[in-house]
Structure formats: structure tokens, C-alpha cells
């Protein structure tokens, strides 16, 4: 990940990459990836696209141009809207992330929504909060703490 404050937020130049056969899919992917980058205060330095998802990455002109920008330092990260734009599965995406890291950058999928929660997590957090409130020296000031 970029060298930014905790949480991955900071003014980091990133590339948005998408690969889809239809113009609508490319535009939608770029819009979502830009939204993801904007939410982290990452500066989108450029957007690269390819139109043939079945072509290997090394033969995609947009991917080649984007990796050139990464190698030159123009961008420090690559945001894709879905793993399927650059890889067949999660393992291949992870391996690609290592290659991007070797060039001094990072690769991230623009996930939507909050991270998944485990069953019982809200109850567990409530228990932790209540326990912490009881240990708070001014517990009488916290509503519901005894």
C-alpha cells in the first residue's frame, strides 16, 4: 500500500484500469474506481482501458501504458473495479499484486460497501463497549454504564 497515514488515506497518484467489451461497462467501471480512489483522497492521474478481456495482460495496450506510468513513477497504485478486469481468480490477482509491488506500487480492487461482518460481531462489540465503560473512571457520566 502507499506510504500514507493509517487507513490508506492520502494524496497518492493512482491509475484507474478497466477492461470490458462494452463502452457502458468501461465507463461504469471507471466511475466506480474513481469513486473508490476519491473516497481515499487518492489523486487519479489517469485512466487506462482495454476492450478485450480475453486477451492476456501483456498484450493489452492500455495495461502496457499503465504499467509504464507505474514504472516511471507517474502513478503509485492501480485501482481496478473488479478482479476479473485483470485476473481469472484471487490467486492470480494476488500474484499480479506482487508484480506491481515489485515496480514500487500497489494493486487494489475497488470494493463496494463496508467490509463483511462476522455473525455475532455487533453483540461482541457491544460487550466490549460495556466492559470498557465500566472501567472508565467517569463511568457515571456515560449513559447506561453502572
N, C-alpha and C. Protein backbone atom coordinates (compact mmCIF):
# COMPACT_ATOMS: atom_id res chain seq x y z
N UNK A 1 0.84 -1.18 0.00
CA UNK A 1 0.00 0.00 0.00
C UNK A 1 0.88 1.24 0.00
N UNK A 2 0.29 2.37 -0.30
CA UNK A 2 1.08 3.59 -0.36
C UNK A 2 1.57 4.03 1.01
N UNK A 3 2.56 4.86 1.02
CA UNK A 3 3.11 5.40 2.25
C UNK A 3 2.27 6.59 2.67
N UNK A 4 1.16 6.31 3.34
CA UNK A 4 0.23 7.35 3.76
C UNK A 4 -0.15 7.08 5.20
N UNK A 5 -0.92 7.97 5.80
CA UNK A 5 -1.38 7.73 7.16
C UNK A 5 -2.19 6.45 7.26
N UNK A 6 -2.36 5.96 8.48
CA UNK A 6 -3.13 4.74 8.70
C UNK A 6 -4.49 4.85 8.05
N UNK A 7 -4.95 3.74 7.50
CA UNK A 7 -6.23 3.73 6.82
C UNK A 7 -6.11 3.90 5.32
N UNK A 8 -4.90 4.09 4.81
CA UNK A 8 -4.69 4.19 3.38
C UNK A 8 -5.22 5.46 2.76
N UNK A 9 -5.31 6.53 3.54
CA UNK A 9 -5.85 7.77 3.02
C UNK A 9 -4.71 8.76 2.82
N UNK A 10 -4.67 9.39 1.68
CA UNK A 10 -3.63 10.38 1.41
C UNK A 10 -3.60 10.74 -0.06
N UNK A 11 -2.86 11.76 -0.40
CA UNK A 11 -2.79 12.24 -1.79
C UNK A 11 -1.76 11.41 -2.55
N UNK A 12 -2.20 10.27 -3.02
CA UNK A 12 -1.35 9.33 -3.74
C UNK A 12 -1.83 9.27 -5.19
N UNK A 13 -0.94 9.44 -6.16
CA UNK A 13 -1.37 9.33 -7.55
C UNK A 13 -1.63 7.88 -7.94
N UNK A 14 -2.80 7.61 -8.46
CA UNK A 14 -3.16 6.25 -8.86
C UNK A 14 -3.66 6.22 -10.29
N UNK A 15 -3.63 5.02 -10.85
CA UNK A 15 -4.19 4.77 -12.17
C UNK A 15 -5.48 3.99 -11.99
N UNK A 16 -6.44 4.28 -12.82
CA UNK A 16 -7.67 3.50 -12.87
C UNK A 16 -7.58 2.66 -14.13
N UNK A 17 -7.74 1.34 -13.97
CA UNK A 17 -7.66 0.45 -15.12
C UNK A 17 -8.94 -0.37 -15.21
N UNK A 18 -9.45 -0.50 -16.43
CA UNK A 18 -10.62 -1.35 -16.66
C UNK A 18 -10.48 -2.04 -18.00
N UNK A 19 -11.09 -3.21 -18.07
CA UNK A 19 -11.09 -3.97 -19.32
C UNK A 19 -12.46 -4.63 -19.47
N UNK A 20 -13.20 -4.17 -20.46
CA UNK A 20 -14.53 -4.72 -20.72
C UNK A 20 -14.83 -4.54 -22.20
N UNK A 21 -15.73 -5.36 -22.70
CA UNK A 21 -16.01 -5.32 -24.13
C UNK A 21 -16.99 -4.22 -24.52
N UNK A 22 -17.82 -3.76 -23.58
CA UNK A 22 -18.80 -2.71 -23.93
C UNK A 22 -18.37 -1.35 -23.38
N UNK A 23 -18.75 -0.32 -24.09
CA UNK A 23 -18.44 1.05 -23.67
C UNK A 23 -19.09 1.37 -22.33
N UNK A 24 -20.33 0.93 -22.15
CA UNK A 24 -21.03 1.19 -20.89
C UNK A 24 -20.29 0.55 -19.72
N UNK A 25 -19.87 -0.69 -19.87
CA UNK A 25 -19.16 -1.38 -18.79
C UNK A 25 -17.85 -0.69 -18.45
N UNK A 26 -17.15 -0.21 -19.46
CA UNK A 26 -15.88 0.51 -19.22
C UNK A 26 -16.15 1.80 -18.46
N UNK A 27 -17.16 2.56 -18.87
CA UNK A 27 -17.49 3.82 -18.20
C UNK A 27 -17.91 3.60 -16.75
N UNK A 28 -18.75 2.59 -16.54
CA UNK A 28 -19.22 2.29 -15.19
C UNK A 28 -18.07 1.83 -14.29
N UNK A 29 -17.19 1.01 -14.83
CA UNK A 29 -16.03 0.54 -14.06
C UNK A 29 -15.13 1.72 -13.69
N UNK A 30 -14.90 2.60 -14.64
CA UNK A 30 -14.06 3.77 -14.36
C UNK A 30 -14.71 4.67 -13.31
N UNK A 31 -16.02 4.87 -13.42
CA UNK A 31 -16.73 5.71 -12.45
C UNK A 31 -16.60 5.14 -11.04
N UNK A 32 -16.82 3.84 -10.89
CA UNK A 32 -16.74 3.21 -9.57
C UNK A 32 -15.32 3.23 -9.02
N UNK A 33 -14.34 3.00 -9.87
CA UNK A 33 -12.94 3.01 -9.42
C UNK A 33 -12.53 4.43 -9.01
N UNK A 34 -12.97 5.43 -9.75
CA UNK A 34 -12.67 6.81 -9.38
C UNK A 34 -13.32 7.17 -8.04
N UNK A 35 -14.54 6.72 -7.84
CA UNK A 35 -15.23 6.97 -6.57
C UNK A 35 -14.45 6.34 -5.41
N UNK A 36 -13.97 5.13 -5.60
CA UNK A 36 -13.17 4.44 -4.58
C UNK A 36 -11.91 5.24 -4.28
N UNK A 37 -11.22 5.70 -5.31
CA UNK A 37 -9.99 6.48 -5.12
C UNK A 37 -10.29 7.82 -4.45
N UNK A 38 -11.34 8.48 -4.88
CA UNK A 38 -11.70 9.77 -4.29
C UNK A 38 -12.02 9.64 -2.80
N UNK A 39 -12.67 8.55 -2.42
CA UNK A 39 -13.01 8.33 -1.01
C UNK A 39 -11.76 8.21 -0.14
N UNK A 40 -10.64 7.87 -0.74
CA UNK A 40 -9.37 7.73 -0.01
C UNK A 40 -8.44 8.92 -0.25
N UNK A 41 -8.95 9.93 -0.93
CA UNK A 41 -8.18 11.13 -1.28
C UNK A 41 -6.97 10.80 -2.14
N UNK A 42 -7.12 9.77 -2.96
CA UNK A 42 -6.07 9.43 -3.92
C UNK A 42 -6.34 10.24 -5.18
N UNK A 43 -5.29 10.76 -5.77
CA UNK A 43 -5.40 11.55 -7.00
C UNK A 43 -5.37 10.60 -8.19
N UNK A 44 -6.41 10.61 -9.01
CA UNK A 44 -6.44 9.77 -10.21
C UNK A 44 -5.64 10.47 -11.29
N UNK A 45 -4.43 9.96 -11.54
CA UNK A 45 -3.52 10.56 -12.51
C UNK A 45 -3.88 10.18 -13.94
N UNK A 46 -4.63 9.10 -14.11
CA UNK A 46 -5.02 8.68 -15.44
C UNK A 46 -5.89 7.45 -15.40
N UNK A 47 -6.62 7.25 -16.49
CA UNK A 47 -7.47 6.07 -16.63
C UNK A 47 -7.10 5.36 -17.92
N UNK A 48 -6.83 4.08 -17.83
CA UNK A 48 -6.46 3.28 -18.98
C UNK A 48 -7.48 2.17 -19.14
N UNK A 49 -7.82 1.89 -20.41
CA UNK A 49 -8.81 0.85 -20.67
C UNK A 49 -8.35 -0.05 -21.81
N UNK A 50 -8.88 -1.24 -21.79
CA UNK A 50 -8.74 -2.19 -22.89
C UNK A 50 -10.10 -2.77 -23.17
N UNK A 51 -10.30 -3.28 -24.39
CA UNK A 51 -11.61 -3.76 -24.81
C UNK A 51 -11.71 -5.27 -24.98
N UNK A 52 -10.63 -6.01 -24.74
CA UNK A 52 -10.68 -7.46 -24.94
C UNK A 52 -10.29 -8.18 -23.65
N UNK A 53 -11.27 -8.51 -22.80
CA UNK A 53 -10.96 -9.18 -21.54
C UNK A 53 -10.33 -10.56 -21.71
N UNK A 54 -10.49 -11.16 -22.88
CA UNK A 54 -9.92 -12.50 -23.09
C UNK A 54 -8.43 -12.44 -23.46
N UNK A 55 -7.93 -11.26 -23.80
CA UNK A 55 -6.51 -11.12 -24.17
C UNK A 55 -5.64 -11.16 -22.92
N UNK A 56 -4.46 -11.76 -23.02
CA UNK A 56 -3.55 -11.74 -21.87
C UNK A 56 -3.09 -10.31 -21.55
N UNK A 57 -2.81 -10.05 -20.29
CA UNK A 57 -2.41 -8.69 -19.89
C UNK A 57 -1.24 -8.15 -20.69
N UNK A 58 -0.25 -8.99 -20.92
CA UNK A 58 0.97 -8.50 -21.60
C UNK A 58 0.71 -8.02 -23.03
N UNK A 59 -0.43 -8.42 -23.61
CA UNK A 59 -0.73 -7.96 -24.97
C UNK A 59 -1.75 -6.82 -25.00
N UNK A 60 -2.22 -6.38 -23.85
CA UNK A 60 -3.19 -5.28 -23.79
C UNK A 60 -2.45 -3.94 -23.80
N UNK A 61 -2.77 -3.10 -24.77
CA UNK A 61 -2.09 -1.82 -24.91
C UNK A 61 -2.33 -0.88 -23.73
N UNK A 62 -3.56 -0.84 -23.24
CA UNK A 62 -3.86 0.01 -22.09
C UNK A 62 -3.09 -0.41 -20.85
N UNK A 63 -3.02 -1.72 -20.62
CA UNK A 63 -2.28 -2.24 -19.47
C UNK A 63 -0.79 -1.90 -19.60
N UNK A 64 -0.25 -2.05 -20.80
CA UNK A 64 1.17 -1.73 -21.02
C UNK A 64 1.45 -0.25 -20.75
N UNK A 65 0.58 0.62 -21.22
CA UNK A 65 0.76 2.06 -20.99
C UNK A 65 0.66 2.38 -19.50
N UNK A 66 -0.28 1.74 -18.82
CA UNK A 66 -0.46 1.99 -17.40
C UNK A 66 0.74 1.50 -16.60
N UNK A 67 1.29 0.33 -16.94
CA UNK A 67 2.47 -0.16 -16.21
C UNK A 67 3.69 0.71 -16.52
N UNK A 68 3.72 1.31 -17.70
CA UNK A 68 4.78 2.27 -18.00
C UNK A 68 4.69 3.49 -17.08
N UNK A 69 3.47 3.96 -16.84
CA UNK A 69 3.27 5.08 -15.91
C UNK A 69 3.66 4.68 -14.49
N UNK A 70 3.40 3.44 -14.14
CA UNK A 70 3.78 2.94 -12.82
C UNK A 70 5.30 2.87 -12.68
N UNK A 71 5.95 2.34 -13.69
CA UNK A 71 7.42 2.22 -13.66
C UNK A 71 8.11 3.58 -13.63
N UNK A 72 7.52 4.56 -14.32
CA UNK A 72 8.14 5.89 -14.37
C UNK A 72 7.87 6.71 -13.12
N UNK A 73 6.96 6.24 -12.27
CA UNK A 73 6.63 6.97 -11.05
C UNK A 73 5.48 7.94 -11.20
N UNK A 74 4.87 7.98 -12.39
CA UNK A 74 3.72 8.86 -12.60
C UNK A 74 2.57 8.47 -11.68
N UNK A 75 2.39 7.17 -11.46
CA UNK A 75 1.37 6.66 -10.54
C UNK A 75 2.04 5.73 -9.55
N UNK A 76 1.42 5.61 -8.37
CA UNK A 76 1.96 4.71 -7.34
C UNK A 76 1.05 3.53 -7.09
N UNK A 77 -0.15 3.57 -7.63
CA UNK A 77 -1.09 2.49 -7.40
C UNK A 77 -1.99 2.28 -8.58
N UNK A 78 -2.63 1.11 -8.60
CA UNK A 78 -3.56 0.74 -9.66
C UNK A 78 -4.87 0.34 -9.00
N UNK A 79 -5.96 0.97 -9.41
CA UNK A 79 -7.29 0.65 -8.89
C UNK A 79 -8.08 -0.01 -10.00
N UNK A 80 -8.58 -1.20 -9.73
CA UNK A 80 -9.48 -1.89 -10.66
C UNK A 80 -10.80 -2.10 -9.96
N UNK A 81 -11.88 -2.07 -10.71
CA UNK A 81 -13.19 -2.19 -10.09
C UNK A 81 -13.51 -3.63 -9.70
N UNK A 82 -12.91 -4.58 -10.40
CA UNK A 82 -13.13 -5.99 -10.08
C UNK A 82 -11.91 -6.80 -10.50
N UNK A 83 -11.68 -7.86 -9.78
CA UNK A 83 -10.55 -8.75 -10.08
C UNK A 83 -10.61 -9.23 -11.52
N UNK A 84 -11.82 -9.46 -12.02
CA UNK A 84 -11.99 -10.02 -13.36
C UNK A 84 -11.43 -9.14 -14.47
N UNK A 85 -11.15 -7.88 -14.18
CA UNK A 85 -10.58 -6.99 -15.20
C UNK A 85 -9.11 -7.29 -15.47
N UNK A 86 -8.45 -7.96 -14.51
CA UNK A 86 -7.01 -8.22 -14.67
C UNK A 86 -6.60 -9.66 -14.38
N UNK A 87 -7.49 -10.45 -13.80
CA UNK A 87 -7.10 -11.81 -13.40
C UNK A 87 -8.28 -12.76 -13.49
N UNK A 88 -7.96 -14.05 -13.52
CA UNK A 88 -9.01 -15.07 -13.58
C UNK A 88 -9.55 -15.42 -12.20
N UNK A 89 -8.71 -15.30 -11.16
CA UNK A 89 -9.13 -15.65 -9.81
C UNK A 89 -8.32 -14.86 -8.78
N UNK A 90 -8.64 -15.08 -7.51
CA UNK A 90 -7.98 -14.33 -6.43
C UNK A 90 -6.49 -14.64 -6.35
N UNK A 91 -6.10 -15.88 -6.61
CA UNK A 91 -4.68 -16.24 -6.55
C UNK A 91 -3.89 -15.50 -7.63
N UNK A 92 -4.44 -15.44 -8.82
CA UNK A 92 -3.77 -14.73 -9.91
C UNK A 92 -3.71 -13.22 -9.61
N UNK A 93 -4.77 -12.70 -9.01
CA UNK A 93 -4.79 -11.28 -8.62
C UNK A 93 -3.71 -10.99 -7.58
N UNK A 94 -3.55 -11.89 -6.61
CA UNK A 94 -2.51 -11.72 -5.58
C UNK A 94 -1.12 -11.76 -6.21
N UNK A 95 -0.92 -12.68 -7.15
CA UNK A 95 0.39 -12.77 -7.83
C UNK A 95 0.65 -11.50 -8.63
N UNK A 96 -0.38 -10.97 -9.27
CA UNK A 96 -0.23 -9.73 -10.02
C UNK A 96 0.10 -8.57 -9.07
N UNK A 97 -0.50 -8.59 -7.89
CA UNK A 97 -0.21 -7.58 -6.88
C UNK A 97 1.26 -7.58 -6.48
N UNK A 98 1.85 -8.77 -6.42
CA UNK A 98 3.28 -8.89 -6.10
C UNK A 98 4.11 -8.26 -7.21
N UNK A 99 3.74 -8.52 -8.46
CA UNK A 99 4.47 -7.93 -9.59
C UNK A 99 4.38 -6.40 -9.58
N UNK A 100 3.20 -5.89 -9.26
CA UNK A 100 3.02 -4.44 -9.20
C UNK A 100 3.84 -3.87 -8.04
N UNK A 101 3.87 -4.58 -6.92
CA UNK A 101 4.69 -4.14 -5.78
C UNK A 101 6.16 -4.11 -6.13
N UNK A 102 6.60 -5.06 -6.95
CA UNK A 102 8.00 -5.08 -7.39
C UNK A 102 8.36 -3.84 -8.20
N UNK A 103 7.36 -3.21 -8.80
CA UNK A 103 7.58 -1.97 -9.55
C UNK A 103 7.40 -0.74 -8.66
N UNK A 104 7.20 -0.97 -7.38
CA UNK A 104 7.09 0.13 -6.42
C UNK A 104 5.68 0.63 -6.19
N UNK A 105 4.67 -0.13 -6.60
CA UNK A 105 3.30 0.33 -6.45
C UNK A 105 2.44 -0.63 -5.68
N UNK A 106 1.14 -0.45 -5.81
CA UNK A 106 0.17 -1.34 -5.18
C UNK A 106 -1.00 -1.54 -6.13
N UNK A 107 -1.69 -2.66 -5.96
CA UNK A 107 -2.86 -3.01 -6.77
C UNK A 107 -4.01 -3.23 -5.81
N UNK A 108 -5.14 -2.62 -6.09
CA UNK A 108 -6.28 -2.74 -5.20
C UNK A 108 -7.57 -2.89 -6.00
N UNK A 109 -8.47 -3.70 -5.46
CA UNK A 109 -9.80 -3.85 -6.05
C UNK A 109 -10.74 -2.86 -5.36
N UNK A 110 -11.49 -2.13 -6.13
CA UNK A 110 -12.43 -1.14 -5.59
C UNK A 110 -13.67 -1.85 -5.07
N UNK A 111 -13.61 -2.26 -3.83
CA UNK A 111 -14.73 -2.95 -3.23
C UNK A 111 -15.84 -1.96 -2.92
N UNK A 112 -17.05 -2.45 -2.89
CA UNK A 112 -18.18 -1.58 -2.59
C UNK A 112 -18.70 -1.91 -1.20
N UNK A 113 -19.13 -0.88 -0.51
CA UNK A 113 -19.72 -1.08 0.80
C UNK A 113 -18.71 -1.38 1.88
N UNK A 114 -19.21 -1.55 3.10
CA UNK A 114 -18.33 -1.83 4.22
C UNK A 114 -17.79 -3.26 4.15
N UNK A 115 -16.72 -3.54 4.85
CA UNK A 115 -16.20 -4.90 4.84
C UNK A 115 -17.21 -5.86 5.45
N UNK A 116 -17.18 -7.13 5.02
CA UNK A 116 -18.15 -8.08 5.55
C UNK A 116 -17.98 -8.26 7.06
N UNK A 117 -19.07 -8.48 7.73
CA UNK A 117 -19.06 -8.66 9.18
C UNK A 117 -19.29 -10.13 9.50
N UNK A 118 -18.71 -10.55 10.59
CA UNK A 118 -18.90 -11.93 11.02
C UNK A 118 -20.18 -12.03 11.83
N UNK A 119 -20.80 -13.21 11.88
CA UNK A 119 -22.00 -13.36 12.70
C UNK A 119 -21.67 -13.07 14.17
N UNK A 120 -22.52 -12.34 14.81
CA UNK A 120 -22.33 -12.03 16.22
C UNK A 120 -21.39 -10.87 16.50
N UNK A 121 -20.84 -10.25 15.47
CA UNK A 121 -19.89 -9.16 15.69
C UNK A 121 -20.53 -7.97 16.41
N UNK A 122 -21.76 -7.56 16.07
CA UNK A 122 -22.34 -6.43 16.81
C UNK A 122 -22.49 -6.72 18.31
N UNK A 123 -22.90 -7.94 18.65
CA UNK A 123 -23.04 -8.30 20.06
C UNK A 123 -21.68 -8.30 20.76
N UNK A 124 -20.67 -8.80 20.07
CA UNK A 124 -19.32 -8.83 20.64
C UNK A 124 -18.82 -7.41 20.89
N UNK A 125 -19.04 -6.52 19.95
CA UNK A 125 -18.62 -5.13 20.13
C UNK A 125 -19.37 -4.46 21.27
N UNK A 126 -20.67 -4.77 21.39
CA UNK A 126 -21.46 -4.20 22.48
C UNK A 126 -20.91 -4.65 23.83
N UNK A 127 -20.56 -5.93 23.94
CA UNK A 127 -19.99 -6.47 25.17
C UNK A 127 -18.68 -5.77 25.51
N UNK A 128 -17.82 -5.59 24.50
CA UNK A 128 -16.55 -4.90 24.73
C UNK A 128 -16.78 -3.46 25.18
N UNK A 129 -17.72 -2.78 24.55
CA UNK A 129 -18.01 -1.39 24.91
C UNK A 129 -18.52 -1.30 26.34
N UNK A 130 -19.44 -2.19 26.69
CA UNK A 130 -19.99 -2.17 28.05
C UNK A 130 -18.90 -2.44 29.08
N UNK A 131 -18.01 -3.39 28.77
CA UNK A 131 -16.90 -3.68 29.69
C UNK A 131 -15.97 -2.49 29.83
N UNK A 132 -15.69 -1.82 28.74
CA UNK A 132 -14.81 -0.66 28.78
C UNK A 132 -15.48 0.48 29.54
N UNK A 133 -16.78 0.64 29.39
CA UNK A 133 -17.49 1.72 30.07
C UNK A 133 -17.45 1.51 31.59
N UNK A 134 -17.47 0.27 32.05
CA UNK A 134 -17.40 0.01 33.48
C UNK A 134 -16.03 0.35 34.05
N UNK A 135 -15.00 0.26 33.22
CA UNK A 135 -13.65 0.56 33.69
C UNK A 135 -13.31 2.04 33.54
N UNK A 136 -14.16 2.76 32.89
CA UNK A 136 -13.96 4.19 32.66
C UNK A 136 -14.08 4.91 34.00
N UNK A 137 -13.07 5.69 34.42
CA UNK A 137 -13.11 6.31 35.75
C UNK A 137 -14.30 7.24 35.95
N UNK A 138 -14.85 7.73 34.87
CA UNK A 138 -16.01 8.61 34.98
C UNK A 138 -17.24 7.90 34.42
N UNK A 139 -17.37 6.61 34.74
CA UNK A 139 -18.45 5.78 34.22
C UNK A 139 -19.82 6.34 34.52
N UNK A 140 -19.94 7.05 35.62
CA UNK A 140 -21.24 7.63 35.97
C UNK A 140 -21.68 8.69 34.94
N UNK A 141 -20.73 9.17 34.15
CA UNK A 141 -21.06 10.16 33.13
C UNK A 141 -21.48 9.52 31.81
N UNK A 142 -21.16 8.22 31.65
CA UNK A 142 -21.50 7.51 30.41
C UNK A 142 -22.90 6.93 30.55
N UNK A 143 -23.81 7.24 29.64
CA UNK A 143 -25.18 6.71 29.74
C UNK A 143 -25.17 5.19 29.68
N UNK A 144 -25.91 4.58 30.58
CA UNK A 144 -26.03 3.13 30.58
C UNK A 144 -24.91 2.42 31.31
N UNK A 145 -23.88 3.11 31.72
CA UNK A 145 -22.78 2.48 32.45
C UNK A 145 -23.11 2.53 33.93
N UNK A 146 -22.80 1.47 34.63
CA UNK A 146 -23.09 1.47 36.06
C UNK A 146 -21.84 1.37 36.88
